């Protein structure tokens, strides 16, 4: 009996030592730099099993032993199940970091930037061509209802959800800026301010000019003057679908369109583009001036005037100095 007990004790000690050695070896392997020689991006599909994930990681040289990784998932995973998604790993990443990352759901973040001044058609094209998004766009919002911004998303997010986010962001921005507007502006609703902002967005790309351009149009609204904005004519012709591809003509200025601000007093019936926050803020907090005219100076800026006589002098001066026809708004 003593010999049997001694034998069993020896076997137990061997098993304990062997188990301890295995645990130590696995722990050591988890912290060992992996074989990955350059940064790697992988995509794990939903429903993929542990063994398949381990084999895939080994196949792309992220780990050197899929069996150890699968064993670690089962015995050493303190974080939860592996999660589907797109992940980025640096070179020589160790298996423990891979395991922690795949269970954290810290997927790779993508960015989608929508510039100011695009029409909804142009924005839809950008969203449609963003490969990391999925699905189709079922409903396109009205013109002007999408906020130009940089949006972060994960691979597999839907195009429909991205468009919904843009629409919600515009609504939030418009409501916030509307609450901060100056008193006695000639707008009956936030939508009218949005229409004005879209015109400002198209008329100038200079931040320092936005509030001044807004003042010119606000002054004209108050006096029941025609806005005479070339970009509204362009929108009336193209409906925001592509570029006109030629300069405006005098015939264009006579078209019968509610967007023709050379024929109809007041704001057009809707936005002509999707303005950014700065243009909306300018529409709601215009400069205090008595200016009624501006003309492009050929260098990205504008020359402003209070009277038609002064404005005509500005137009003539810049035509002579540039030896070409200068774009003229509110002429």
C-alpha atoms as a PDB file:
ATOM      1  CA  UNK A   1       0.000   0.000   0.000  1.00  0.00           C
ATOM      2  CA  UNK A   2       2.838   2.368   0.825  1.00  0.00           C
ATOM      3  CA  UNK A   3       4.478   1.654  -2.522  1.00  0.00           C
ATOM      4  CA  UNK A   4       1.142   2.194  -4.374  1.00  0.00           C
ATOM      5  CA  UNK A   5       0.541   5.480  -2.591  1.00  0.00           C
ATOM      6  CA  UNK A   6       4.057   6.579  -3.334  1.00  0.00           C
ATOM      7  CA  UNK A   7       3.576   5.701  -7.008  1.00  0.00           C
ATOM      8  CA  UNK A   8       0.305   7.606  -7.240  1.00  0.00           C
ATOM      9  CA  UNK A   9       1.925  10.607  -5.585  1.00  0.00           C
ATOM     10  CA  UNK A  10       4.727  10.535  -8.126  1.00  0.00           C
ATOM     11  CA  UNK A  11       2.264  10.381 -11.010  1.00  0.00           C
ATOM     12  CA  UNK A  12       0.273  13.281  -9.561  1.00  0.00           C
ATOM     13  CA  UNK A  13       3.402  15.362  -9.159  1.00  0.00           C
ATOM     14  CA  UNK A  14       4.392  14.597 -12.747  1.00  0.00           C
ATOM     15  CA  UNK A  15       0.915  15.591 -14.013  1.00  0.00           C
ATOM     16  CA  UNK A  16       0.964  18.800 -11.969  1.00  0.00           C
ATOM     17  CA  UNK A  17       4.423  19.645 -13.213  1.00  0.00           C
ATOM     18  CA  UNK A  18       3.412  18.836 -16.766  1.00  0.00           C
ATOM     19  CA  UNK A  19       0.272  20.972 -16.490  1.00  0.00           C
ATOM     20  CA  UNK A  20       2.233  23.827 -14.942  1.00  0.00           C
ATOM     21  CA  UNK A  21       4.794  23.575 -17.712  1.00  0.00           C
ATOM     22  CA  UNK A  22       2.023  23.612 -20.336  1.00  0.00           C
ATOM     23  CA  UNK A  23       0.405  26.642 -18.745  1.00  0.00           C
ATOM     24  CA  UNK A  24       3.743  28.404 -18.551  1.00  0.00           C
ATOM     25  CA  UNK A  25       4.532  27.540 -22.164  1.00  0.00           C
ATOM     26  CA  UNK A  26       1.150  28.795 -23.396  1.00  0.00           C
ATOM     27  CA  UNK A  27       1.483  32.009 -21.401  1.00  0.00           C
ATOM     28  CA  UNK A  28       4.978  32.492 -22.789  1.00  0.00           C
ATOM     29  CA  UNK A  29       3.753  31.864 -26.341  1.00  0.00           C
ATOM     30  CA  UNK A  30       0.940  34.396 -25.964  1.00  0.00           C
ATOM     31  CA  UNK A  31       3.436  37.124 -25.092  1.00  0.00           C
ATOM     32  CA  UNK A  32       6.013  36.184 -27.702  1.00  0.00           C
ATOM     33  CA  UNK A  33       6.296  38.562 -30.721  1.00  0.00           C
ATOM     34  CA  UNK A  34       4.467  37.033 -33.650  1.00  0.00           C
ATOM     35  CA  UNK A  35       5.740  36.298 -37.160  1.00  0.00           C
ATOM     36  CA  UNK A  36       3.915  39.206 -38.838  1.00  0.00           C
ATOM     37  CA  UNK A  37       6.466  41.231 -40.824  1.00  0.00           C
ATOM     38  CA  UNK A  38       4.252  44.167 -41.848  1.00  0.00           C
ATOM     39  CA  UNK A  39       0.971  45.762 -40.683  1.00  0.00           C
ATOM     40  CA  UNK A  40      -2.092  43.672 -41.483  1.00  0.00           C
ATOM     41  CA  UNK A  41      -5.799  44.291 -41.920  1.00  0.00           C
ATOM     42  CA  UNK A  42      -8.138  41.323 -41.675  1.00  0.00           C
ATOM     43  CA  UNK A  43     -11.888  40.914 -41.902  1.00  0.00           C
ATOM     44  CA  UNK A  44     -13.642  38.282 -39.785  1.00  0.00           C
ATOM     45  CA  UNK A  45     -17.100  37.364 -40.991  1.00  0.00           C
ATOM     46  CA  UNK A  46     -19.956  36.801 -38.586  1.00  0.00           C
ATOM     47  CA  UNK A  47     -20.441  33.176 -37.561  1.00  0.00           C
ATOM     48  CA  UNK A  48     -16.833  32.100 -38.182  1.00  0.00           C
ATOM     49  CA  UNK A  49     -15.669  29.425 -35.711  1.00  0.00           C
ATOM     50  CA  UNK A  50     -12.614  29.609 -33.460  1.00  0.00           C
ATOM     51  CA  UNK A  51     -10.668  27.003 -35.402  1.00  0.00           C
ATOM     52  CA  UNK A  52     -11.348  28.753 -38.704  1.00  0.00           C
ATOM     53  CA  UNK A  53     -10.245  32.073 -37.244  1.00  0.00           C
ATOM     54  CA  UNK A  54      -7.069  30.499 -35.842  1.00  0.00           C
ATOM     55  CA  UNK A  55      -6.324  28.880 -39.216  1.00  0.00           C
ATOM     56  CA  UNK A  56      -6.921  32.174 -41.005  1.00  0.00           C
ATOM     57  CA  UNK A  57      -4.594  34.043 -38.638  1.00  0.00           C
ATOM     58  CA  UNK A  58      -1.913  31.433 -39.239  1.00  0.00           C
ATOM     59  CA  UNK A  59      -2.491  31.614 -42.987  1.00  0.00           C
ATOM     60  CA  UNK A  60      -1.748  35.346 -43.050  1.00  0.00           C
ATOM     61  CA  UNK A  61       1.275  34.911 -40.736  1.00  0.00           C
ATOM     62  CA  UNK A  62      -0.292  36.722 -37.797  1.00  0.00           C
ATOM     63  CA  UNK A  63       0.399  33.700 -35.559  1.00  0.00           C
ATOM     64  CA  UNK A  64       2.634  30.659 -35.928  1.00  0.00           C
ATOM     65  CA  UNK A  65       0.500  28.070 -34.144  1.00  0.00           C
ATOM     66  CA  UNK A  66      -3.284  27.925 -34.730  1.00  0.00           C
ATOM     67  CA  UNK A  67      -3.682  25.091 -32.164  1.00  0.00           C
ATOM     68  CA  UNK A  68      -2.175  27.197 -29.370  1.00  0.00           C
ATOM     69  CA  UNK A  69      -4.361  30.162 -30.327  1.00  0.00           C
ATOM     70  CA  UNK A  70      -7.528  28.057 -30.305  1.00  0.00           C
ATOM     71  CA  UNK A  71      -6.486  26.586 -26.945  1.00  0.00           C
ATOM     72  CA  UNK A  72      -5.909  30.093 -25.583  1.00  0.00           C
ATOM     73  CA  UNK A  73      -9.387  31.163 -26.721  1.00  0.00           C
ATOM     74  CA  UNK A  74     -10.862  28.274 -24.766  1.00  0.00           C
ATOM     75  CA  UNK A  75      -8.679  28.413 -21.646  1.00  0.00           C
ATOM     76  CA  UNK A  76      -7.208  31.901 -21.388  1.00  0.00           C
ATOM     77  CA  UNK A  77      -9.853  34.168 -22.842  1.00  0.00           C
ATOM     78  CA  UNK A  78     -10.963  36.521 -20.065  1.00  0.00           C
ATOM     79  CA  UNK A  79     -12.609  39.014 -22.408  1.00  0.00           C
ATOM     80  CA  UNK A  80     -15.513  37.241 -24.076  1.00  0.00           C
ATOM     81  CA  UNK A  81     -16.262  35.762 -27.512  1.00  0.00           C
ATOM     82  CA  UNK A  82     -14.353  36.690 -30.657  1.00  0.00           C
ATOM     83  CA  UNK A  83     -16.263  39.363 -32.580  1.00  0.00           C
ATOM     84  CA  UNK A  84     -16.725  39.765 -36.310  1.00  0.00           C
ATOM     85  CA  UNK A  85     -15.389  42.878 -37.984  1.00  0.00           C
ATOM     86  CA  UNK A  86     -12.368  44.486 -39.605  1.00  0.00           C
ATOM     87  CA  UNK A  87      -9.202  44.686 -37.526  1.00  0.00           C
ATOM     88  CA  UNK A  88      -5.766  46.220 -37.954  1.00  0.00           C
ATOM     89  CA  UNK A  89      -2.604  44.740 -36.415  1.00  0.00           C
ATOM     90  CA  UNK A  90       0.963  46.082 -36.342  1.00  0.00           C
ATOM     91  CA  UNK A  91       3.993  44.031 -37.303  1.00  0.00           C
ATOM     92  CA  UNK A  92       5.252  41.482 -34.779  1.00  0.00           C
ATOM     93  CA  UNK A  93       2.006  41.723 -32.791  1.00  0.00           C
ATOM     94  CA  UNK A  94       1.856  39.028 -30.110  1.00  0.00           C
ATOM     95  CA  UNK A  95      -0.991  36.497 -29.878  1.00  0.00           C
ATOM     96  CA  UNK A  96      -2.314  37.901 -26.590  1.00  0.00           C
ATOM     97  CA  UNK A  97      -2.858  41.311 -28.202  1.00  0.00           C
ATOM     98  CA  UNK A  98      -4.598  39.690 -31.148  1.00  0.00           C
ATOM     99  CA  UNK A  99      -6.880  37.785 -28.776  1.00  0.00           C
ATOM    100  CA  UNK A 100      -7.682  40.897 -26.730  1.00  0.00           C
ATOM    101  CA  UNK A 101      -8.368  42.925 -29.877  1.00  0.00           C
ATOM    102  CA  UNK A 102     -10.658  40.340 -31.444  1.00  0.00           C
ATOM    103  CA  UNK A 103     -12.718  40.100 -28.275  1.00  0.00           C
ATOM    104  CA  UNK A 104     -12.862  43.854 -27.664  1.00  0.00           C
ATOM    105  CA  UNK A 105     -14.708  44.694 -30.871  1.00  0.00           C
ATOM    106  CA  UNK A 106     -12.226  47.521 -31.503  1.00  0.00           C
ATOM    107  CA  UNK A 107     -12.718  47.336 -35.226  1.00  0.00           C
ATOM    108  CA  UNK A 108     -10.890  49.476 -37.763  1.00  0.00           C
ATOM    109  CA  UNK A 109     -12.456  52.941 -38.065  1.00  0.00           C
ATOM    110  CA  UNK A 110     -13.070  54.355 -41.538  1.00  0.00           C
ATOM    111  CA  UNK A 111     -13.643  58.006 -42.407  1.00  0.00           C
ATOM    112  CA  UNK A 112     -16.003  59.456 -44.982  1.00  0.00           C
ATOM    113  CA  UNK A 113     -15.607  63.178 -45.679  1.00  0.00           C
ATOM    114  CA  UNK A 114     -18.388  65.110 -47.405  1.00  0.00           C
ATOM    115  CA  UNK A 115     -17.171  68.532 -48.621  1.00  0.00           C
ATOM    116  CA  UNK A 116     -19.382  71.598 -48.318  1.00  0.00           C
ATOM    117  CA  UNK A 117     -21.371  72.667 -51.329  1.00  0.00           C
ATOM    118  CA  UNK A 118     -22.178  69.314 -52.928  1.00  0.00           C
ATOM    119  CA  UNK A 119     -25.645  68.468 -54.165  1.00  0.00           C
ATOM    120  CA  UNK A 120     -27.461  65.434 -52.849  1.00  0.00           C
ATOM    121  CA  UNK A 121     -26.752  63.655 -56.147  1.00  0.00           C
ATOM    122  CA  UNK A 122     -23.018  64.183 -55.688  1.00  0.00           C
ATOM    123  CA  UNK A 123     -23.160  63.054 -52.055  1.00  0.00           C
ATOM    124  CA  UNK A 124     -25.101  59.923 -52.966  1.00  0.00           C
ATOM    125  CA  UNK A 125     -22.411  59.074 -55.509  1.00  0.00           C
ATOM    126  CA  UNK A 126     -19.701  59.360 -52.843  1.00  0.00           C
ATOM    127  CA  UNK A 127     -21.649  57.157 -50.427  1.00  0.00           C
ATOM    128  CA  UNK A 128     -22.421  54.622 -53.145  1.00  0.00           C
ATOM    129  CA  UNK A 129     -18.742  54.394 -54.103  1.00  0.00           C
ATOM    130  CA  UNK A 130     -17.516  53.915 -50.518  1.00  0.00           C
ATOM    131  CA  UNK A 131     -16.567  50.242 -50.637  1.00  0.00           C
ATOM    132  CA  UNK A 132     -16.449  49.711 -46.860  1.00  0.00           C
ATOM    133  CA  UNK A 133     -20.168  50.500 -46.611  1.00  0.00           C
ATOM    134  CA  UNK A 134     -22.784  47.889 -47.477  1.00  0.00           C
ATOM    135  CA  UNK A 135     -26.285  47.746 -48.892  1.00  0.00           C
ATOM    136  CA  UNK A 136     -28.272  50.159 -51.003  1.00  0.00           C
ATOM    137  CA  UNK A 137     -29.702  53.629 -50.399  1.00  0.00           C
ATOM    138  CA  UNK A 138     -33.470  53.216 -50.242  1.00  0.00           C
ATOM    139  CA  UNK A 139     -34.528  56.821 -49.690  1.00  0.00           C
ATOM    140  CA  UNK A 140     -32.632  59.936 -50.790  1.00  0.00           C
ATOM    141  CA  UNK A 141     -33.363  63.001 -48.614  1.00  0.00           C
ATOM    142  CA  UNK A 142     -34.350  66.304 -50.153  1.00  0.00           C
ATOM    143  CA  UNK A 143     -31.702  68.727 -51.357  1.00  0.00           C
ATOM    144  CA  UNK A 144     -29.899  70.542 -48.558  1.00  0.00           C
ATOM    145  CA  UNK A 145     -30.762  68.000 -45.866  1.00  0.00           C
ATOM    146  CA  UNK A 146     -27.330  66.350 -45.587  1.00  0.00           C
ATOM    147  CA  UNK A 147     -24.629  67.916 -43.421  1.00  0.00           C
ATOM    148  CA  UNK A 148     -21.144  68.123 -44.946  1.00  0.00           C
ATOM    149  CA  UNK A 149     -18.877  66.622 -42.314  1.00  0.00           C
ATOM    150  CA  UNK A 150     -16.362  63.856 -41.655  1.00  0.00           C
ATOM    151  CA  UNK A 151     -18.167  60.711 -40.519  1.00  0.00           C
ATOM    152  CA  UNK A 152     -16.511  57.715 -38.835  1.00  0.00           C
ATOM    153  CA  UNK A 153     -17.837  54.214 -39.406  1.00  0.00           C
ATOM    154  CA  UNK A 154     -16.913  50.535 -39.351  1.00  0.00           C
ATOM    155  CA  UNK A 155     -16.766  48.204 -42.330  1.00  0.00           C
ATOM    156  CA  UNK A 156     -20.173  46.708 -42.955  1.00  0.00           C
ATOM    157  CA  UNK A 157     -22.167  49.729 -41.753  1.00  0.00           C
ATOM    158  CA  UNK A 158     -24.946  50.344 -44.247  1.00  0.00           C
ATOM    159  CA  UNK A 159     -25.165  53.157 -46.758  1.00  0.00           C
ATOM    160  CA  UNK A 160     -28.716  53.765 -45.605  1.00  0.00           C
ATOM    161  CA  UNK A 161     -27.568  54.301 -42.011  1.00  0.00           C
ATOM    162  CA  UNK A 162     -24.834  56.687 -43.191  1.00  0.00           C
ATOM    163  CA  UNK A 163     -27.362  58.803 -45.103  1.00  0.00           C
ATOM    164  CA  UNK A 164     -29.637  58.783 -42.052  1.00  0.00           C
ATOM    165  CA  UNK A 165     -26.738  60.022 -39.898  1.00  0.00           C
ATOM    166  CA  UNK A 166     -26.025  62.861 -42.337  1.00  0.00           C
ATOM    167  CA  UNK A 167     -29.671  63.883 -42.327  1.00  0.00           C
ATOM    168  CA  UNK A 168     -29.887  63.820 -38.532  1.00  0.00           C
ATOM    169  CA  UNK A 169     -26.652  65.806 -38.245  1.00  0.00           C
ATOM    170  CA  UNK A 170     -28.032  68.521 -40.525  1.00  0.00           C
ATOM    171  CA  UNK A 171     -31.262  68.697 -38.552  1.00  0.00           C
ATOM    172  CA  UNK A 172     -29.361  69.044 -35.264  1.00  0.00           C
ATOM    173  CA  UNK A 173     -26.988  71.682 -36.647  1.00  0.00           C
ATOM    174  CA  UNK A 174     -29.809  73.700 -38.184  1.00  0.00           C
ATOM    175  CA  UNK A 175     -31.884  73.689 -35.020  1.00  0.00           C
ATOM    176  CA  UNK A 176     -28.902  74.668 -32.859  1.00  0.00           C
ATOM    177  CA  UNK A 177     -27.843  77.532 -35.133  1.00  0.00           C
ATOM    178  CA  UNK A 178     -31.448  78.681 -35.589  1.00  0.00           C
ATOM    179  CA  UNK A 179     -31.713  79.116 -31.823  1.00  0.00           C
ATOM    180  CA  UNK A 180     -28.648  81.395 -31.954  1.00  0.00           C
ATOM    181  CA  UNK A 181     -29.858  83.590 -34.834  1.00  0.00           C
ATOM    182  CA  UNK A 182     -29.943  87.377 -34.813  1.00  0.00           C
ATOM    183  CA  UNK A 183     -33.359  88.971 -34.307  1.00  0.00           C
ATOM    184  CA  UNK A 184     -35.540  90.346 -37.118  1.00  0.00           C
ATOM    185  CA  UNK A 185     -34.104  88.291 -39.948  1.00  0.00           C
ATOM    186  CA  UNK A 186     -36.311  87.936 -43.059  1.00  0.00           C
ATOM    187  CA  UNK A 187     -36.774  84.166 -42.614  1.00  0.00           C
ATOM    188  CA  UNK A 188     -40.031  82.586 -41.558  1.00  0.00           C
ATOM    189  CA  UNK A 189     -38.524  79.175 -40.789  1.00  0.00           C
ATOM    190  CA  UNK A 190     -35.249  77.289 -40.395  1.00  0.00           C
ATOM    191  CA  UNK A 191     -35.790  75.903 -43.888  1.00  0.00           C
ATOM    192  CA  UNK A 192     -35.628  79.409 -45.386  1.00  0.00           C
ATOM    193  CA  UNK A 193     -32.368  79.994 -43.535  1.00  0.00           C
ATOM    194  CA  UNK A 194     -31.098  76.736 -45.012  1.00  0.00           C
ATOM    195  CA  UNK A 195     -32.011  77.937 -48.505  1.00  0.00           C
ATOM    196  CA  UNK A 196     -30.083  81.141 -47.908  1.00  0.00           C
ATOM    197  CA  UNK A 197     -27.110  79.210 -46.522  1.00  0.00           C
ATOM    198  CA  UNK A 198     -26.993  77.067 -49.654  1.00  0.00           C
ATOM    199  CA  UNK A 199     -26.753  80.201 -51.818  1.00  0.00           C
ATOM    200  CA  UNK A 200     -24.010  81.660 -49.608  1.00  0.00           C
ATOM    201  CA  UNK A 201     -22.121  78.350 -49.823  1.00  0.00           C
ATOM    202  CA  UNK A 202     -22.124  78.565 -53.611  1.00  0.00           C
ATOM    203  CA  UNK A 203     -21.317  82.263 -53.833  1.00  0.00           C
ATOM    204  CA  UNK A 204     -18.091  82.325 -51.806  1.00  0.00           C
ATOM    205  CA  UNK A 205     -15.452  79.919 -50.623  1.00  0.00           C
ATOM    206  CA  UNK A 206     -13.835  82.441 -48.296  1.00  0.00           C
ATOM    207  CA  UNK A 207     -14.705  82.135 -44.632  1.00  0.00           C
ATOM    208  CA  UNK A 208     -14.082  85.850 -44.089  1.00  0.00           C
ATOM    209  CA  UNK A 209     -16.719  86.769 -46.681  1.00  0.00           C
ATOM    210  CA  UNK A 210     -19.633  84.529 -45.757  1.00  0.00           C
ATOM    211  CA  UNK A 211     -21.330  86.867 -43.295  1.00  0.00           C
ATOM    212  CA  UNK A 212     -20.850  89.810 -45.651  1.00  0.00           C
ATOM    213  CA  UNK A 213     -22.336  87.942 -48.619  1.00  0.00           C
ATOM    214  CA  UNK A 214     -25.201  86.941 -46.334  1.00  0.00           C
ATOM    215  CA  UNK A 215     -25.743  90.609 -45.465  1.00  0.00           C
ATOM    216  CA  UNK A 216     -26.076  91.559 -49.139  1.00  0.00           C
ATOM    217  CA  UNK A 217     -28.795  88.971 -49.724  1.00  0.00           C
ATOM    218  CA  UNK A 218     -30.564  89.761 -46.441  1.00  0.00           C
ATOM    219  CA  UNK A 219     -30.579  93.452 -47.347  1.00  0.00           C
ATOM    220  CA  UNK A 220     -32.074  92.619 -50.738  1.00  0.00           C
ATOM    221  CA  UNK A 221     -34.782  90.458 -49.185  1.00  0.00           C
ATOM    222  CA  UNK A 222     -35.752  93.284 -46.865  1.00  0.00           C
ATOM    223  CA  UNK A 223     -36.037  95.682 -49.814  1.00  0.00           C
ATOM    224  CA  UNK A 224     -37.927  93.185 -52.014  1.00  0.00           C
ATOM    225  CA  UNK A 225     -35.080  93.282 -54.515  1.00  0.00           C
ATOM    226  CA  UNK A 226     -34.224  90.389 -56.795  1.00  0.00           C
ATOM    227  CA  UNK A 227     -31.431  88.279 -55.329  1.00  0.00           C
ATOM    228  CA  UNK A 228     -29.869  87.784 -58.779  1.00  0.00           C
ATOM    229  CA  UNK A 229     -27.664  84.861 -57.768  1.00  0.00           C
ATOM    230  CA  UNK A 230     -26.054  82.930 -60.626  1.00  0.00           C
ATOM    231  CA  UNK A 231     -25.852  79.610 -58.704  1.00  0.00           C
ATOM    232  CA  UNK A 232     -29.650  79.523 -58.372  1.00  0.00           C
ATOM    233  CA  UNK A 233     -29.924  79.759 -62.163  1.00  0.00           C
ATOM    234  CA  UNK A 234     -27.509  76.856 -62.542  1.00  0.00           C
ATOM    235  CA  UNK A 235     -29.549  74.741 -60.151  1.00  0.00           C
ATOM    236  CA  UNK A 236     -32.740  75.597 -61.982  1.00  0.00           C
ATOM    237  CA  UNK A 237     -31.193  74.222 -65.172  1.00  0.00           C
ATOM    238  CA  UNK A 238     -29.420  71.128 -63.827  1.00  0.00           C
ATOM    239  CA  UNK A 239     -31.585  70.310 -60.770  1.00  0.00           C
ATOM    240  CA  UNK A 240     -28.313  69.450 -59.046  1.00  0.00           C
ATOM    241  CA  UNK A 241     -27.597  66.555 -61.410  1.00  0.00           C
ATOM    242  CA  UNK A 242     -24.145  67.202 -62.813  1.00  0.00           C
ATOM    243  CA  UNK A 243     -22.448  70.333 -64.082  1.00  0.00           C
ATOM    244  CA  UNK A 244     -23.799  72.660 -66.763  1.00  0.00           C
ATOM    245  CA  UNK A 245     -20.534  72.437 -68.673  1.00  0.00           C
ATOM    246  CA  UNK A 246     -20.700  75.964 -70.104  1.00  0.00           C
ATOM    247  CA  UNK A 247     -20.963  79.556 -68.899  1.00  0.00           C
ATOM    248  CA  UNK A 248     -24.364  81.047 -68.174  1.00  0.00           C
ATOM    249  CA  UNK A 249     -25.892  83.089 -70.971  1.00  0.00           C
ATOM    250  CA  UNK A 250     -28.372  85.947 -70.956  1.00  0.00           C
ATOM    251  CA  UNK A 251     -30.933  83.484 -72.281  1.00  0.00           C
ATOM    252  CA  UNK A 252     -30.395  81.374 -69.140  1.00  0.00           C
ATOM    253  CA  UNK A 253     -31.254  84.386 -67.006  1.00  0.00           C
ATOM    254  CA  UNK A 254     -34.714  84.451 -68.567  1.00  0.00           C
ATOM    255  CA  UNK A 255     -35.663  80.820 -67.947  1.00  0.00           C
ATOM    256  CA  UNK A 256     -39.029  80.192 -66.325  1.00  0.00           C
ATOM    257  CA  UNK A 257     -37.958  78.456 -63.124  1.00  0.00           C
ATOM    258  CA  UNK A 258     -38.796  79.147 -59.482  1.00  0.00           C
ATOM    259  CA  UNK A 259     -35.012  79.020 -58.936  1.00  0.00           C
ATOM    260  CA  UNK A 260     -34.494  81.959 -61.285  1.00  0.00           C
ATOM    261  CA  UNK A 261     -33.680  84.736 -58.832  1.00  0.00           C
ATOM    262  CA  UNK A 262     -33.240  87.124 -61.767  1.00  0.00           C
ATOM    263  CA  UNK A 263     -36.990  86.883 -62.444  1.00  0.00           C
ATOM    264  CA  UNK A 264     -38.631  86.107 -59.110  1.00  0.00           C
ATOM    265  CA  UNK A 265     -38.299  88.099 -55.894  1.00  0.00           C
ATOM    266  CA  UNK A 266     -37.458  86.229 -52.708  1.00  0.00           C
ATOM    267  CA  UNK A 267     -35.769  82.963 -51.933  1.00  0.00           C
ATOM    268  CA  UNK A 268     -36.027  79.991 -54.286  1.00  0.00           C
ATOM    269  CA  UNK A 269     -38.315  77.148 -53.137  1.00  0.00           C
ATOM    270  CA  UNK A 270     -35.517  74.996 -51.727  1.00  0.00           C
ATOM    271  CA  UNK A 271     -31.773  74.723 -51.135  1.00  0.00           C
ATOM    272  CA  UNK A 272     -29.486  74.512 -54.157  1.00  0.00           C
ATOM    273  CA  UNK A 273     -26.752  72.549 -52.386  1.00  0.00           C
ATOM    274  CA  UNK A 274     -25.872  71.096 -48.987  1.00  0.00           C
ATOM    275  CA  UNK A 275     -24.274  73.912 -46.981  1.00  0.00           C
ATOM    276  CA  UNK A 276     -21.854  73.480 -44.110  1.00  0.00           C
ATOM    277  CA  UNK A 277     -22.288  74.809 -40.591  1.00  0.00           C
ATOM    278  CA  UNK A 278     -20.286  77.966 -41.362  1.00  0.00           C
ATOM    279  CA  UNK A 279     -22.607  78.973 -44.213  1.00  0.00           C
ATOM    280  CA  UNK A 280     -25.685  78.304 -42.058  1.00  0.00           C
ATOM    281  CA  UNK A 281     -24.187  80.394 -39.259  1.00  0.00           C
ATOM    282  CA  UNK A 282     -23.517  83.228 -41.733  1.00  0.00           C
ATOM    283  CA  UNK A 283     -27.111  83.134 -42.951  1.00  0.00           C
ATOM    284  CA  UNK A 284     -28.345  83.420 -39.369  1.00  0.00           C
ATOM    285  CA  UNK A 285     -25.768  85.947 -38.188  1.00  0.00           C
ATOM    286  CA  UNK A 286     -25.015  88.160 -41.214  1.00  0.00           C
ATOM    287  CA  UNK A 287     -22.807  91.219 -41.004  1.00  0.00           C
ATOM    288  CA  UNK A 288     -24.506  94.550 -40.373  1.00  0.00           C
ATOM    289  CA  UNK A 289     -23.976  96.510 -43.601  1.00  0.00           C
ATOM    290  CA  UNK A 290     -25.959  98.489 -46.166  1.00  0.00           C
ATOM    291  CA  UNK A 291     -24.263  96.758 -49.116  1.00  0.00           C
ATOM    292  CA  UNK A 292     -26.434  95.484 -51.951  1.00  0.00           C
ATOM    293  CA  UNK A 293     -23.927  94.260 -54.554  1.00  0.00           C
ATOM    294  CA  UNK A 294     -20.787  92.211 -54.968  1.00  0.00           C
ATOM    295  CA  UNK A 295     -18.674  91.083 -57.894  1.00  0.00           C
ATOM    296  CA  UNK A 296     -15.964  88.426 -58.049  1.00  0.00           C
ATOM    297  CA  UNK A 297     -12.471  89.903 -58.149  1.00  0.00           C
ATOM    298  CA  UNK A 298     -10.865  87.044 -60.045  1.00  0.00           C
ATOM    299  CA  UNK A 299      -8.742  85.989 -57.057  1.00  0.00           C
ATOM    300  CA  UNK A 300     -11.317  84.026 -55.103  1.00  0.00           C
ATOM    301  CA  UNK A 301     -12.726  87.050 -53.299  1.00  0.00           C
ATOM    302  CA  UNK A 302     -15.314  89.732 -53.998  1.00  0.00           C
ATOM    303  CA  UNK A 303     -15.650  93.495 -54.200  1.00  0.00           C
ATOM    304  CA  UNK A 304     -18.716  94.819 -52.354  1.00  0.00           C
ATOM    305  CA  UNK A 305     -20.732  97.963 -53.051  1.00  0.00           C
ATOM    306  CA  UNK A 306     -23.630  99.940 -51.580  1.00  0.00           C
ATOM    307  CA  UNK A 307     -24.872 101.512 -54.816  1.00  0.00           C
ATOM    308  CA  UNK A 308     -25.285 100.350 -58.388  1.00  0.00           C
ATOM    309  CA  UNK A 309     -22.974 103.125 -59.582  1.00  0.00           C
ATOM    310  CA  UNK A 310     -20.222 101.969 -57.234  1.00  0.00           C
ATOM    311  CA  UNK A 311     -20.832  98.364 -58.241  1.00  0.00           C
ATOM    312  CA  UNK A 312     -20.607  99.145 -61.949  1.00  0.00           C
ATOM    313  CA  UNK A 313     -17.282 100.860 -61.342  1.00  0.00           C
ATOM    314  CA  UNK A 314     -16.054  97.718 -59.561  1.00  0.00           C
ATOM    315  CA  UNK A 315     -17.154  95.541 -62.473  1.00  0.00           C
ATOM    316  CA  UNK A 316     -15.492  97.818 -65.040  1.00  0.00           C
ATOM    317  CA  UNK A 317     -12.274  98.079 -63.015  1.00  0.00           C
ATOM    318  CA  UNK A 318     -11.846  94.345 -62.677  1.00  0.00           C
ATOM    319  CA  UNK A 319     -12.738  93.675 -66.290  1.00  0.00           C
ATOM    320  CA  UNK A 320     -10.008  96.074 -67.362  1.00  0.00           C
ATOM    321  CA  UNK A 321      -7.421  94.691 -64.936  1.00  0.00           C
ATOM    322  CA  UNK A 322      -8.120  91.067 -65.785  1.00  0.00           C
ATOM    323  CA  UNK A 323      -8.826  91.547 -69.488  1.00  0.00           C
ATOM    324  CA  UNK A 324     -11.680  89.067 -69.245  1.00  0.00           C
ATOM    325  CA  UNK A 325     -15.281  88.856 -68.186  1.00  0.00           C
ATOM    326  CA  UNK A 326     -15.573  88.662 -64.427  1.00  0.00           C
ATOM    327  CA  UNK A 327     -18.253  86.563 -62.784  1.00  0.00           C
ATOM    328  CA  UNK A 328     -20.883  89.003 -61.581  1.00  0.00           C
ATOM    329  CA  UNK A 329     -23.455  88.253 -58.908  1.00  0.00           C
ATOM    330  CA  UNK A 330     -26.292  90.524 -57.838  1.00  0.00           C
ATOM    331  CA  UNK A 331     -25.497  92.840 -60.776  1.00  0.00           C
END
